[in-house]
């Protein structure tokens, strides 16, 4: 009888990480689904983008699509995705849009999406200008999210 509590404790400890990994989003997702995880919503509300760069992004005349690959489990995604959300909230340019894909724990899937888009780290932001890839932000920004986006979009 002394082994039952130990067995129960061991079962709980082993089950919890597996269950937590299964709770992560995977595949195409919406901003709303991501923001249901409170840390993403809280950090989005806290981020203050540079208004001068937002004004410049509003002047974009090309069609810009930003394809975002992130992990709900990833600490870099928890830092960079909220900044990106706030920038997208601040931009009033219908030519700039984003789509989101959540990757499984430690980038184990969806395998075809990861392979097709050559995703090595999370988050990865692939910036397309008029349908052509013009740059990537991988894992972390160099200056700030809005500054890095500006540099990629406006480079010649």
Protein backbone atom coordinates (compact mmCIF):
# COMPACT_ATOMS: atom_id res chain seq x y z
CA UNK A 1 0.00 0.00 0.00
CA UNK A 2 2.91 2.40 0.48
CA UNK A 3 3.64 2.29 -3.24
CA UNK A 4 0.22 3.62 -4.36
CA UNK A 5 0.85 7.29 -3.45
CA UNK A 6 4.28 7.13 -5.08
CA UNK A 7 2.80 5.53 -8.19
CA UNK A 8 0.05 8.18 -8.34
CA UNK A 9 2.56 11.02 -7.96
CA UNK A 10 4.80 9.54 -10.67
CA UNK A 11 1.82 9.16 -13.03
CA UNK A 12 0.80 12.81 -12.51
CA UNK A 13 4.35 14.10 -13.00
CA UNK A 14 4.81 12.13 -16.23
CA UNK A 15 1.33 12.90 -17.58
CA UNK A 16 1.35 16.69 -17.06
CA UNK A 17 4.14 17.64 -19.52
CA UNK A 18 2.65 15.39 -22.20
CA UNK A 19 -0.78 16.92 -21.69
CA UNK A 20 0.66 20.47 -21.71
CA UNK A 21 2.40 19.81 -25.04
CA UNK A 22 -0.87 18.59 -26.53
CA UNK A 23 -2.65 21.81 -25.48
CA UNK A 24 -0.57 24.00 -27.84
CA UNK A 25 -2.11 25.28 -31.04
CA UNK A 26 -0.86 23.80 -34.30
CA UNK A 27 -1.35 24.85 -37.91
CA UNK A 28 -3.08 27.98 -39.23
CA UNK A 29 -4.42 30.12 -36.38
CA UNK A 30 -5.95 33.54 -35.82
CA UNK A 31 -4.63 36.39 -33.73
CA UNK A 32 -7.64 35.93 -31.46
CA UNK A 33 -6.73 32.28 -30.78
CA UNK A 34 -3.19 33.28 -29.86
CA UNK A 35 -4.33 36.17 -27.66
CA UNK A 36 -6.56 33.82 -25.67
CA UNK A 37 -3.31 32.89 -23.93
CA UNK A 38 -3.16 35.74 -21.45
CA UNK A 39 0.57 36.47 -21.69
CA UNK A 40 0.26 37.27 -25.40
CA UNK A 41 -2.65 39.64 -24.76
CA UNK A 42 -1.00 41.29 -21.75
CA UNK A 43 2.31 41.90 -23.56
CA UNK A 44 0.45 43.25 -26.61
CA UNK A 45 -1.28 45.86 -24.46
CA UNK A 46 2.07 46.90 -22.92
CA UNK A 47 4.03 47.34 -26.16
CA UNK A 48 4.49 50.91 -27.43
CA UNK A 49 5.62 51.05 -31.06
CA UNK A 50 7.51 54.06 -32.41
CA UNK A 51 4.81 56.35 -33.88
CA UNK A 52 7.20 57.74 -36.53
CA UNK A 53 7.84 54.27 -37.94
CA UNK A 54 4.11 53.45 -37.81
CA UNK A 55 3.48 56.58 -39.92
CA UNK A 56 6.10 55.40 -42.41
CA UNK A 57 4.56 51.92 -42.56
CA UNK A 58 1.19 53.54 -43.23
CA UNK A 59 2.70 55.10 -46.37
CA UNK A 60 3.55 51.73 -47.96
CA UNK A 61 2.19 51.56 -51.53
CA UNK A 62 2.99 47.87 -52.14
CA UNK A 63 1.06 44.80 -51.04
CA UNK A 64 2.80 43.39 -47.96
CA UNK A 65 2.04 39.98 -46.47
CA UNK A 66 3.81 38.90 -43.32
CA UNK A 67 3.69 35.15 -42.79
CA UNK A 68 4.24 34.49 -39.08
CA UNK A 69 5.40 31.12 -37.73
CA UNK A 70 5.44 30.84 -33.95
CA UNK A 71 5.23 28.47 -31.03
CA UNK A 72 2.82 28.93 -28.15
CA UNK A 73 5.52 27.23 -26.05
CA UNK A 74 8.36 29.46 -27.28
CA UNK A 75 9.73 32.23 -25.05
CA UNK A 76 10.96 34.19 -28.09
CA UNK A 77 7.46 34.05 -29.57
CA UNK A 78 6.03 35.32 -26.29
CA UNK A 79 8.33 38.33 -26.60
CA UNK A 80 8.09 39.12 -30.33
CA UNK A 81 4.52 38.19 -31.28
CA UNK A 82 2.85 40.72 -28.93
CA UNK A 83 5.03 43.53 -30.35
CA UNK A 84 3.97 42.45 -33.83
CA UNK A 85 0.28 42.37 -32.82
CA UNK A 86 0.52 45.92 -31.45
CA UNK A 87 2.18 47.15 -34.64
CA UNK A 88 -0.52 45.55 -36.76
CA UNK A 89 -3.18 47.17 -34.52
CA UNK A 90 -1.46 50.55 -34.98
CA UNK A 91 -1.08 50.37 -38.76
CA UNK A 92 -3.99 51.73 -40.77
CA UNK A 93 -2.80 50.49 -44.14
CA UNK A 94 -5.00 47.83 -45.79
CA UNK A 95 -2.07 46.83 -48.02
CA UNK A 96 -0.27 45.30 -45.02
CA UNK A 97 -1.64 41.99 -43.72
CA UNK A 98 -0.50 38.99 -41.75
CA UNK A 99 -1.31 35.32 -41.42
CA UNK A 100 -0.30 33.10 -38.53
CA UNK A 101 0.81 29.49 -38.18
CA UNK A 102 1.41 27.86 -34.82
CA UNK A 103 4.04 25.15 -34.74
CA UNK A 104 3.98 22.14 -32.47
CA UNK A 105 6.23 21.83 -29.46
CA UNK A 106 9.91 22.15 -30.46
CA UNK A 107 8.87 22.57 -34.15
CA UNK A 108 7.88 18.91 -34.58
CA UNK A 109 5.03 19.83 -36.88
CA UNK A 110 3.16 20.50 -39.03
CA UNK A 111 6.13 18.99 -40.87
CA UNK A 112 5.13 19.96 -44.42
CA UNK A 113 4.60 23.61 -43.42
CA UNK A 114 7.95 23.73 -41.63
CA UNK A 115 9.76 22.15 -44.59
CA UNK A 116 8.05 24.22 -47.29
CA UNK A 117 8.80 27.49 -45.49
CA UNK A 118 12.28 26.48 -44.27
CA UNK A 119 11.52 27.28 -40.64
CA UNK A 120 14.52 26.67 -38.36
CA UNK A 121 13.64 28.86 -35.37
CA UNK A 122 10.62 30.48 -33.80
CA UNK A 123 9.26 32.93 -34.29
CA UNK A 124 9.96 33.47 -37.98
CA UNK A 125 8.36 36.39 -39.83
CA UNK A 126 8.56 36.04 -43.63
CA UNK A 127 7.89 39.36 -45.35
CA UNK A 128 6.48 39.29 -48.88
CA UNK A 129 6.32 42.44 -51.01
CA UNK A 130 4.01 42.15 -54.02
CA UNK A 131 4.15 38.37 -53.64
CA UNK A 132 7.94 38.05 -53.48
CA UNK A 133 9.87 37.23 -50.31
CA UNK A 134 12.01 40.26 -49.41
CA UNK A 135 13.26 39.30 -45.96
CA UNK A 136 12.85 37.47 -42.67
CA UNK A 137 12.97 38.25 -39.00
CA UNK A 138 14.10 35.10 -37.24
CA UNK A 139 13.84 34.48 -33.51
CA UNK A 140 14.52 38.05 -32.35
CA UNK A 141 14.62 41.56 -33.74
CA UNK A 142 17.80 43.56 -34.27
CA UNK A 143 16.44 46.99 -33.22
CA UNK A 144 12.67 46.76 -32.72
CA UNK A 145 9.90 44.90 -34.51
CA UNK A 146 8.63 48.00 -36.29
CA UNK A 147 12.14 49.19 -37.20
CA UNK A 148 13.16 45.79 -38.57
CA UNK A 149 9.93 45.55 -40.60
CA UNK A 150 10.51 49.04 -41.99
CA UNK A 151 14.10 48.18 -43.01
CA UNK A 152 12.98 45.04 -44.83
CA UNK A 153 9.95 46.60 -46.55
CA UNK A 154 11.73 49.78 -47.70
CA UNK A 155 15.11 48.34 -48.69
CA UNK A 156 15.82 48.66 -52.39
